[in-house]
């Protein structure tokens, strides 16, 4: 604290007749002062923006959005009283984009085994890869350049039926950036290089049936104990059983990777049988059973540019698949295949989907609101009470030449400078030293 501030506090203590003025008194005053500053959070007003709310308000012209305490507190208020005002000059303001189903923060260099933390031979349904998440990965700042403010990270699993559980993180780069741990369970189904695909579908069914039977038996025993006034506690569930119980209760979604229509139909049957919160991932054949998926109210996470078959299961990949599913009433989330190195190109994939029949508003929802709905984020829309994860674009976000002008994560402005920018600046700097060196 500066000497001037300390003097002012001393005078304050004397004016309020605090005596004797000692270290304890000063500590109390300093604490109250810090608390006052904490309560008085900075208010930001973004004015004259073209706001894509991805909510019931639709698109607003020359609109004002107020941010306070990391939350959107007002849209088009009658009066604007803010600590900082940013004039958008008509530029587009959208919710921050949300990536999904990638290994951001778990992989740095795919060819270097010691930088890969997304999977393990012993990984099972309890596998929590968030323990290895690196918020300082150079790929996080690189992804921010694509307007991505948060992300769903998926493990690659091991030899077990279940690959583990996904987690969510914002892209602030802070050590406290993980939003939610163990928020969904992941299973990989479909064609196998050895054995039959039927074995995994059967094992999935049996895992649910076995635990449901155990839960029913446990409930019956507890009811009998209550009637008999028996205080002996029932046997606790194992860790893996607790996770399956969360799936059966709908507490956690089941994210199922599959492409062939027969596999997708089998998963829809399991959803109906066990009342699962099911989400289909990849789902190349989804267009063949779009009406059934829509009727079952099952979201689909898929790539917009997956138009070449990678196996006999994915013969129906097409650039128009997203628009076909959306027109059938399916909630779609856009996620590129592969790891995290091209995550910043997510908006370009959305642009390709738009060029192949998907409405712009639906494409934006597939990167924001739909992801927030499935994974229960308080973001993805520009509405009062939502987290202030926002992006102000130089132009249409789906155009190649457009850049992120300003980005906010939880109401705080963050940089879009990446390692690639630093390398460019280093090697383009004029210097007397030999090429590839810099002062």
Protein backbone atom coordinates (compact mmCIF):
# COMPACT_ATOMS: atom_id res chain seq x y z
CA UNK A 1 0.00 0.00 0.00
CA UNK A 2 1.25 3.49 -0.85
CA UNK A 3 2.32 5.89 1.91
CA UNK A 4 -0.41 8.36 0.92
CA UNK A 5 -3.12 5.68 1.34
CA UNK A 6 -1.66 4.66 4.70
CA UNK A 7 -1.75 8.29 5.88
CA UNK A 8 -5.39 8.57 4.82
CA UNK A 9 -6.26 5.45 6.78
CA UNK A 10 -4.46 6.83 9.83
CA UNK A 11 -6.50 10.04 9.63
CA UNK A 12 -9.66 7.94 9.21
CA UNK A 13 -8.88 6.06 12.40
CA UNK A 14 -8.24 9.29 14.27
CA UNK A 15 -11.46 10.86 13.00
CA UNK A 16 -13.47 7.86 14.13
CA UNK A 17 -11.73 8.12 17.54
CA UNK A 18 -10.19 4.65 17.36
CA UNK A 19 -7.70 4.51 20.21
CA UNK A 20 -5.15 3.29 20.67
CA UNK A 21 -4.24 3.19 16.96
CA UNK A 22 -2.25 -0.04 16.79
CA UNK A 23 -1.53 -2.90 14.38
CA UNK A 24 -4.81 -4.65 15.18
CA UNK A 25 -6.83 -1.52 14.37
CA UNK A 26 -4.91 -0.98 11.13
CA UNK A 27 -5.49 -4.61 10.12
CA UNK A 28 -9.24 -4.22 10.64
CA UNK A 29 -9.37 -1.02 8.57
CA UNK A 30 -7.27 -2.56 5.79
CA UNK A 31 -9.56 -5.62 5.69
CA UNK A 32 -12.67 -3.45 5.44
CA UNK A 33 -11.05 -1.39 2.68
CA UNK A 34 -10.14 -4.50 0.67
CA UNK A 35 -13.67 -5.86 1.12
CA UNK A 36 -15.15 -2.61 -0.17
CA UNK A 37 -12.98 -2.76 -3.30
CA UNK A 38 -13.94 -6.40 -3.86
CA UNK A 39 -17.65 -5.61 -3.68
CA UNK A 40 -17.30 -2.69 -6.08
CA UNK A 41 -16.65 -4.82 -9.18
CA UNK A 42 -15.89 -3.20 -12.50
CA UNK A 43 -18.92 -2.62 -14.74
CA UNK A 44 -18.41 -2.87 -18.51
CA UNK A 45 -20.80 -1.59 -21.17
CA UNK A 46 -20.54 -2.84 -24.75
CA UNK A 47 -22.51 -0.38 -26.86
CA UNK A 48 -23.65 -0.08 -30.50
CA UNK A 49 -23.22 -3.82 -31.09
CA UNK A 50 -24.99 -6.20 -33.44
CA UNK A 51 -25.79 -8.82 -30.82
CA UNK A 52 -26.44 -12.43 -31.78
CA UNK A 53 -28.12 -13.49 -28.54
CA UNK A 54 -28.77 -17.13 -29.57
CA UNK A 55 -31.83 -16.68 -27.35
CA UNK A 56 -35.46 -15.64 -27.74
CA UNK A 57 -34.43 -12.04 -28.45
CA UNK A 58 -32.75 -13.09 -31.69
CA UNK A 59 -30.44 -10.56 -33.33
CA UNK A 60 -30.33 -7.04 -31.86
CA UNK A 61 -29.02 -4.00 -33.72
CA UNK A 62 -27.20 -1.09 -32.05
CA UNK A 63 -27.61 -2.88 -28.74
CA UNK A 64 -25.94 -2.44 -25.36
CA UNK A 65 -24.79 -5.28 -23.13
CA UNK A 66 -23.78 -4.66 -19.50
CA UNK A 67 -21.29 -6.92 -17.66
CA UNK A 68 -20.87 -6.84 -13.91
CA UNK A 69 -19.46 -9.40 -11.46
CA UNK A 70 -18.63 -11.76 -14.37
CA UNK A 71 -22.33 -11.88 -15.34
CA UNK A 72 -24.46 -10.23 -18.03
CA UNK A 73 -26.66 -7.96 -15.91
CA UNK A 74 -28.58 -5.99 -18.55
CA UNK A 75 -29.33 -5.75 -22.26
CA UNK A 76 -30.41 -2.39 -23.65
CA UNK A 77 -30.92 -0.68 -20.27
CA UNK A 78 -32.57 2.73 -20.18
CA UNK A 79 -29.48 4.26 -18.58
CA UNK A 80 -25.86 3.20 -18.92
CA UNK A 81 -23.63 3.69 -15.90
CA UNK A 82 -20.38 1.83 -16.44
CA UNK A 83 -16.75 2.04 -15.38
CA UNK A 84 -15.67 1.15 -18.93
CA UNK A 85 -17.52 1.60 -22.21
CA UNK A 86 -16.55 -0.19 -25.42
CA UNK A 87 -18.13 1.13 -28.60
CA UNK A 88 -18.64 -1.83 -30.96
CA UNK A 89 -19.40 0.46 -33.92
CA UNK A 90 -21.90 -2.05 -35.29
CA UNK A 91 -19.59 -5.07 -35.02
CA UNK A 92 -20.98 -8.51 -34.19
CA UNK A 93 -21.07 -9.65 -30.56
CA UNK A 94 -21.71 -13.35 -29.93
CA UNK A 95 -21.51 -15.73 -27.00
CA UNK A 96 -18.07 -17.29 -26.68
CA UNK A 97 -17.81 -20.45 -28.77
CA UNK A 98 -17.67 -23.77 -26.90
CA UNK A 99 -15.47 -26.58 -28.18
CA UNK A 100 -16.17 -30.22 -27.40
CA UNK A 101 -14.87 -33.79 -27.61
CA UNK A 102 -11.16 -33.05 -27.94
CA UNK A 103 -7.97 -33.37 -25.90
CA UNK A 104 -7.16 -29.70 -25.31
CA UNK A 105 -4.86 -29.41 -22.31
CA UNK A 106 -4.16 -33.15 -22.32
CA UNK A 107 -1.92 -33.25 -25.38
CA UNK A 108 0.83 -30.88 -26.44
CA UNK A 109 2.64 -32.69 -29.26
CA UNK A 110 0.83 -35.74 -30.62
CA UNK A 111 4.08 -37.39 -31.74
CA UNK A 112 5.67 -37.10 -28.27
CA UNK A 113 4.28 -39.81 -26.01
CA UNK A 114 5.20 -38.04 -22.77
CA UNK A 115 2.89 -35.14 -23.63
CA UNK A 116 -0.17 -37.39 -24.02
CA UNK A 117 -2.37 -37.61 -20.92
CA UNK A 118 -5.76 -38.41 -22.43
CA UNK A 119 -5.70 -42.17 -22.03
CA UNK A 120 -4.28 -45.08 -20.09
CA UNK A 121 -4.39 -48.85 -20.47
CA UNK A 122 -6.04 -49.16 -17.03
CA UNK A 123 -8.57 -46.35 -17.58
CA UNK A 124 -12.16 -47.28 -16.76
CA UNK A 125 -15.47 -45.51 -16.12
CA UNK A 126 -13.97 -43.67 -13.13
CA UNK A 127 -11.04 -42.25 -15.15
CA UNK A 128 -10.80 -38.50 -14.47
CA UNK A 129 -8.34 -36.95 -16.94
CA UNK A 130 -8.92 -33.46 -15.49
CA UNK A 131 -6.17 -34.24 -12.96
CA UNK A 132 -3.68 -33.97 -15.85
CA UNK A 133 -5.18 -30.86 -17.46
CA UNK A 134 -2.58 -28.19 -18.29
CA UNK A 135 -4.17 -24.69 -18.42
CA UNK A 136 -0.83 -23.29 -19.62
CA UNK A 137 -0.77 -25.41 -22.78
CA UNK A 138 0.27 -23.31 -25.78
CA UNK A 139 -2.76 -24.70 -27.63
CA UNK A 140 -5.18 -22.91 -25.30
CA UNK A 141 -4.11 -19.41 -26.32
CA UNK A 142 -4.05 -20.61 -29.94
CA UNK A 143 -7.66 -21.84 -29.60
CA UNK A 144 -8.77 -18.48 -28.17
CA UNK A 145 -7.86 -16.94 -31.52
CA UNK A 146 -10.84 -18.84 -32.93
CA UNK A 147 -13.27 -17.23 -30.47
CA UNK A 148 -13.44 -20.28 -28.21
CA UNK A 149 -13.94 -19.40 -24.55
CA UNK A 150 -14.66 -22.82 -23.04
CA UNK A 151 -14.33 -26.47 -23.94
CA UNK A 152 -15.43 -30.03 -23.19
CA UNK A 153 -12.35 -32.28 -22.93
CA UNK A 154 -12.76 -35.99 -23.63
CA UNK A 155 -10.43 -38.83 -22.57
CA UNK A 156 -9.35 -41.52 -25.02
CA UNK A 157 -9.74 -44.29 -22.44
CA UNK A 158 -8.04 -47.69 -22.34
CA UNK A 159 -9.04 -51.35 -22.55
CA UNK A 160 -12.25 -51.00 -20.52
CA UNK A 161 -15.72 -50.68 -22.09
CA UNK A 162 -15.97 -47.12 -20.78
CA UNK A 163 -13.30 -44.56 -21.75
CA UNK A 164 -13.77 -42.43 -18.65
CA UNK A 165 -15.47 -39.11 -17.97
CA UNK A 166 -15.30 -35.76 -19.71
CA UNK A 167 -14.67 -32.44 -17.98
CA UNK A 168 -15.17 -28.78 -18.83
CA UNK A 169 -12.74 -25.87 -18.65
CA UNK A 170 -12.70 -22.26 -19.72
CA UNK A 171 -9.81 -21.02 -21.85
CA UNK A 172 -8.61 -18.26 -19.51
CA UNK A 173 -5.36 -20.10 -18.93
CA UNK A 174 -5.79 -19.78 -15.16
CA UNK A 175 -5.03 -22.66 -12.83
CA UNK A 176 -8.64 -22.40 -11.65
CA UNK A 177 -10.06 -22.72 -15.17
CA UNK A 178 -11.76 -26.11 -14.77
CA UNK A 179 -15.51 -25.48 -14.70
CA UNK A 180 -16.82 -28.97 -14.01
CA UNK A 181 -15.20 -32.36 -13.44
CA UNK A 182 -16.66 -35.75 -14.41
CA UNK A 183 -19.68 -34.23 -16.16
CA UNK A 184 -20.38 -37.02 -18.69
CA UNK A 185 -19.42 -40.65 -19.34
CA UNK A 186 -17.81 -41.67 -22.62
CA UNK A 187 -18.04 -44.99 -24.47
CA UNK A 188 -16.61 -45.95 -27.87
CA UNK A 189 -18.69 -48.41 -29.89
CA UNK A 190 -18.83 -49.64 -33.47
CA UNK A 191 -16.43 -51.63 -35.62
CA UNK A 192 -13.50 -53.43 -33.98
CA UNK A 193 -10.28 -54.68 -35.56
CA UNK A 194 -10.66 -57.87 -33.51
CA UNK A 195 -13.92 -59.36 -32.30
CA UNK A 196 -17.54 -58.30 -32.77
CA UNK A 197 -19.20 -54.94 -32.19
CA UNK A 198 -22.03 -56.89 -30.59
CA UNK A 199 -19.88 -57.70 -27.56
CA UNK A 200 -19.58 -54.06 -26.50
CA UNK A 201 -23.26 -53.30 -27.07
CA UNK A 202 -24.14 -56.39 -25.05
CA UNK A 203 -21.68 -55.48 -22.27
CA UNK A 204 -23.17 -51.98 -22.11
CA UNK A 205 -26.66 -53.39 -21.72
CA UNK A 206 -25.50 -55.88 -19.06
CA UNK A 207 -23.69 -53.20 -17.04
CA UNK A 208 -26.93 -51.22 -16.76
CA UNK A 209 -29.10 -54.28 -16.11
CA UNK A 210 -26.80 -55.67 -13.41
CA UNK A 211 -26.64 -52.41 -11.49
CA UNK A 212 -30.37 -51.78 -11.86
CA UNK A 213 -31.00 -55.21 -10.36
CA UNK A 214 -28.58 -54.45 -7.52
CA UNK A 215 -30.21 -51.06 -6.86
CA UNK A 216 -33.69 -52.62 -6.77
CA UNK A 217 -32.47 -55.27 -4.34
CA UNK A 218 -30.76 -52.63 -2.21
CA UNK A 219 -33.91 -50.48 -2.11
CA UNK A 220 -36.01 -53.50 -1.12
CA UNK A 221 -33.58 -54.37 1.67
CA UNK A 222 -33.52 -50.79 2.96
CA UNK A 223 -37.32 -50.70 2.99
CA UNK A 224 -37.41 -53.95 4.96
CA UNK A 225 -34.77 -52.63 7.39
CA UNK A 226 -36.81 -49.48 7.92
CA UNK A 227 -39.92 -51.54 8.62
CA UNK A 228 -38.02 -53.80 11.02
CA UNK A 229 -36.21 -50.81 12.54
CA UNK A 230 -32.89 -52.41 11.68
CA UNK A 231 -30.06 -49.87 11.99
CA UNK A 232 -27.54 -51.95 10.07
CA UNK A 233 -26.42 -49.82 7.08
CA UNK A 234 -26.79 -51.18 3.57
CA UNK A 235 -23.66 -52.08 1.66
CA UNK A 236 -22.08 -49.10 -0.12
CA UNK A 237 -21.81 -49.06 -3.91
CA UNK A 238 -18.38 -49.30 -5.49
CA UNK A 239 -16.93 -46.25 -7.30
CA UNK A 240 -17.73 -47.58 -10.77
CA UNK A 241 -21.25 -48.53 -9.66
CA UNK A 242 -21.87 -45.00 -8.40
CA UNK A 243 -21.05 -43.66 -11.86
CA UNK A 244 -23.39 -46.13 -13.57
CA UNK A 245 -26.07 -45.17 -11.04
CA UNK A 246 -25.59 -41.52 -12.10
CA UNK A 247 -26.21 -42.60 -15.70
CA UNK A 248 -29.35 -44.53 -14.79
CA UNK A 249 -30.71 -41.57 -12.81
CA UNK A 250 -30.03 -39.15 -15.67
CA UNK A 251 -27.59 -37.20 -13.51
CA UNK A 252 -24.86 -37.63 -16.14
CA UNK A 253 -25.16 -37.93 -19.92
CA UNK A 254 -23.82 -40.98 -21.75
CA UNK A 255 -21.74 -39.86 -24.74
CA UNK A 256 -21.65 -42.76 -27.18
CA UNK A 257 -19.33 -42.83 -30.20
CA UNK A 258 -20.92 -44.82 -33.04
CA UNK A 259 -21.50 -44.36 -36.77
CA UNK A 260 -23.51 -47.23 -38.25
CA UNK A 261 -27.28 -46.88 -38.17
CA UNK A 262 -27.77 -50.28 -36.49
CA UNK A 263 -25.49 -49.20 -33.61
CA UNK A 264 -27.34 -45.90 -33.27
CA UNK A 265 -30.70 -47.69 -33.16
CA UNK A 266 -29.36 -50.06 -30.50
CA UNK A 267 -28.33 -47.04 -28.42
CA UNK A 268 -31.77 -45.47 -28.84
CA UNK A 269 -33.27 -48.72 -27.55
CA UNK A 270 -30.98 -48.60 -24.49
CA UNK A 271 -32.01 -45.02 -23.85
CA UNK A 272 -35.67 -46.02 -23.81
CA UNK A 273 -35.02 -49.15 -21.71
CA UNK A 274 -33.03 -47.36 -18.98
CA UNK A 275 -34.19 -43.72 -19.37
CA UNK A 276 -30.64 -42.62 -20.20
CA UNK A 277 -29.58 -39.06 -21.00
CA UNK A 278 -28.02 -40.18 -24.29
CA UNK A 279 -25.88 -38.12 -26.67
CA UNK A 280 -24.69 -39.61 -29.97
CA UNK A 281 -21.17 -38.72 -31.10
CA UNK A 282 -19.82 -38.87 -34.69
CA UNK A 283 -23.00 -40.59 -36.00
CA UNK A 284 -22.31 -40.61 -39.75
CA UNK A 285 -25.45 -42.67 -40.40
CA UNK A 286 -27.65 -40.41 -38.28
CA UNK A 287 -29.19 -38.93 -41.44
CA UNK A 288 -30.70 -42.36 -42.22
CA UNK A 289 -32.67 -42.36 -38.95
CA UNK A 290 -33.02 -38.62 -38.33
CA UNK A 291 -36.73 -38.86 -37.48
CA UNK A 292 -36.12 -41.58 -34.88
CA UNK A 293 -33.33 -39.55 -33.25
CA UNK A 294 -35.50 -36.44 -33.16
CA UNK A 295 -38.44 -38.37 -31.68
CA UNK A 296 -36.15 -39.74 -28.95
CA UNK A 297 -34.92 -36.19 -28.20
CA UNK A 298 -31.28 -37.26 -28.50
CA UNK A 299 -28.62 -34.65 -29.38
CA UNK A 300 -25.88 -35.43 -31.89
CA UNK A 301 -22.27 -34.22 -31.71
CA UNK A 302 -20.67 -34.38 -35.14
CA UNK A 303 -18.14 -32.87 -37.52
CA UNK A 304 -19.36 -30.55 -40.26
CA UNK A 305 -16.64 -31.54 -42.74
CA UNK A 306 -16.66 -35.32 -42.26
CA UNK A 307 -17.63 -36.16 -45.83
CA UNK A 308 -15.20 -38.97 -46.67
CA UNK A 309 -15.69 -42.49 -45.25
CA UNK A 310 -13.02 -43.53 -42.77
CA UNK A 311 -14.56 -47.02 -42.44
CA UNK A 312 -17.46 -49.13 -43.69
CA UNK A 313 -19.47 -47.61 -40.81
CA UNK A 314 -19.23 -44.06 -42.16
CA UNK A 315 -20.32 -44.36 -45.78
CA UNK A 316 -23.00 -41.69 -45.38
CA UNK A 317 -20.78 -38.78 -44.37
CA UNK A 318 -21.75 -35.64 -46.25
CA UNK A 319 -21.27 -31.87 -45.91
CA UNK A 320 -25.04 -31.44 -45.73
CA UNK A 321 -25.58 -33.86 -42.82
CA UNK A 322 -25.86 -31.17 -40.16
CA UNK A 323 -28.58 -29.28 -42.04
CA UNK A 324 -30.50 -32.53 -42.67
CA UNK A 325 -30.50 -33.37 -38.95
CA UNK A 326 -31.43 -29.84 -37.84
CA UNK A 327 -34.29 -29.74 -40.35
CA UNK A 328 -35.53 -33.02 -38.88
CA UNK A 329 -35.61 -31.45 -35.41
CA UNK A 330 -32.36 -32.87 -33.97
CA UNK A 331 -30.26 -30.73 -31.62
CA UNK A 332 -26.78 -30.73 -33.15
CA UNK A 333 -23.39 -29.79 -31.69
CA UNK A 334 -20.48 -29.12 -34.01
CA UNK A 335 -17.15 -30.68 -33.02
CA UNK A 336 -14.17 -31.37 -35.32
CA UNK A 337 -12.59 -34.80 -35.36
CA UNK A 338 -9.05 -35.25 -34.13
CA UNK A 339 -7.20 -33.75 -31.20
CA UNK A 340 -7.00 -30.10 -30.19
CA UNK A 341 -4.51 -28.64 -32.67
CA UNK A 342 -7.15 -27.37 -35.10
CA UNK A 343 -9.79 -26.43 -32.55
CA UNK A 344 -9.45 -22.75 -33.42
CA UNK A 345 -10.87 -23.56 -36.88
CA UNK A 346 -14.22 -24.57 -35.40
CA UNK A 347 -15.95 -21.47 -36.78
CA UNK A 348 -14.68 -22.24 -40.28
CA UNK A 349 -16.26 -25.69 -40.07
CA UNK A 350 -19.50 -23.95 -39.13
CA UNK A 351 -19.11 -21.75 -42.21
CA UNK A 352 -18.83 -24.86 -44.38
CA UNK A 353 -22.03 -26.20 -42.82
CA UNK A 354 -23.72 -22.88 -43.61
CA UNK A 355 -22.54 -23.14 -47.22
CA UNK A 356 -24.20 -26.55 -47.35
CA UNK A 357 -27.66 -25.62 -46.13
CA UNK A 358 -27.41 -24.92 -42.40
CA UNK A 359 -28.88 -21.57 -41.29
CA UNK A 360 -26.36 -19.19 -39.71
CA UNK A 361 -28.33 -18.95 -36.49
CA UNK A 362 -28.42 -22.75 -36.22
CA UNK A 363 -24.67 -22.95 -36.92
CA UNK A 364 -23.96 -20.49 -34.13
CA UNK A 365 -26.27 -22.40 -31.77
CA UNK A 366 -24.33 -25.59 -32.58
CA UNK A 367 -21.22 -23.87 -31.19
CA UNK A 368 -22.82 -22.17 -28.20
CA UNK A 369 -26.33 -22.68 -26.81
CA UNK A 370 -26.68 -26.34 -27.79
CA UNK A 371 -23.42 -27.26 -26.06
CA UNK A 372 -24.44 -25.29 -22.97
CA UNK A 373 -27.79 -27.09 -22.86
CA UNK A 374 -26.34 -30.59 -23.14
CA UNK A 375 -23.54 -30.03 -20.62
CA UNK A 376 -25.49 -27.68 -18.34
CA UNK A 377 -23.34 -24.55 -18.73
CA UNK A 378 -24.56 -21.14 -17.61
CA UNK A 379 -23.32 -19.67 -20.88
CA UNK A 380 -23.85 -20.09 -24.63
CA UNK A 381 -26.39 -17.27 -24.85
CA UNK A 382 -26.34 -13.51 -24.40
CA UNK A 383 -29.05 -13.09 -21.79
CA UNK A 384 -29.35 -11.54 -18.35
CA UNK A 385 -27.89 -13.86 -15.71
CA UNK A 386 -25.62 -15.77 -18.10
CA UNK A 387 -21.86 -15.88 -17.64
CA UNK A 388 -20.12 -13.09 -19.53
CA UNK A 389 -18.26 -15.28 -22.03
CA UNK A 390 -18.40 -13.01 -25.06
CA UNK A 391 -16.60 -12.35 -28.34
CA UNK A 392 -16.59 -9.12 -30.35
CA UNK A 393 -15.70 -9.91 -33.97
CA UNK A 394 -14.20 -7.72 -36.68
CA UNK A 395 -16.88 -9.00 -39.11
CA UNK A 396 -18.90 -12.17 -39.81
CA UNK A 397 -17.38 -14.83 -37.50
CA UNK A 398 -17.81 -17.55 -40.15
CA UNK A 399 -15.64 -15.72 -42.71
CA UNK A 400 -11.95 -16.62 -43.07
CA UNK A 401 -10.71 -13.02 -42.89
CA UNK A 402 -12.61 -12.21 -39.67
CA UNK A 403 -10.65 -11.88 -36.43
CA UNK A 404 -11.46 -11.68 -32.75
CA UNK A 405 -11.25 -8.03 -31.73
CA UNK A 406 -12.09 -8.43 -28.05
CA UNK A 407 -12.81 -11.50 -25.92
CA UNK A 408 -14.19 -11.80 -22.40
CA UNK A 409 -14.11 -14.95 -20.27
CA UNK A 410 -16.18 -14.69 -17.08
CA UNK A 411 -16.36 -10.95 -17.65
CA UNK A 412 -12.59 -10.48 -17.85
CA UNK A 413 -10.93 -9.40 -21.06
CA UNK A 414 -8.34 -11.93 -22.23
CA UNK A 415 -5.61 -11.81 -24.83
CA UNK A 416 -5.70 -13.66 -28.14
CA UNK A 417 -1.93 -13.54 -28.53
CA UNK A 418 -0.43 -17.01 -28.93
CA UNK A 419 2.96 -18.67 -29.18
CA UNK A 420 2.66 -18.48 -32.97
CA UNK A 421 2.36 -14.69 -32.75
CA UNK A 422 5.42 -14.52 -30.51
CA UNK A 423 7.44 -16.65 -32.95
CA UNK A 424 6.35 -14.50 -35.89
CA UNK A 425 7.37 -11.33 -34.07
CA UNK A 426 10.68 -12.85 -33.05
CA UNK A 427 11.75 -14.02 -36.48
CA UNK A 428 10.46 -10.96 -38.35
CA UNK A 429 12.28 -8.53 -36.07
CA UNK A 430 15.04 -6.60 -37.82
CA UNK A 431 18.40 -7.56 -36.32
CA UNK A 432 22.11 -7.48 -37.00
CA UNK A 433 22.34 -11.08 -35.91
CA UNK A 434 22.16 -14.00 -38.38
CA UNK A 435 18.75 -15.19 -39.61
CA UNK A 436 16.72 -17.29 -37.17
CA UNK A 437 18.14 -15.28 -34.27
CA UNK A 438 16.82 -12.21 -32.57
CA UNK A 439 18.19 -9.69 -30.13
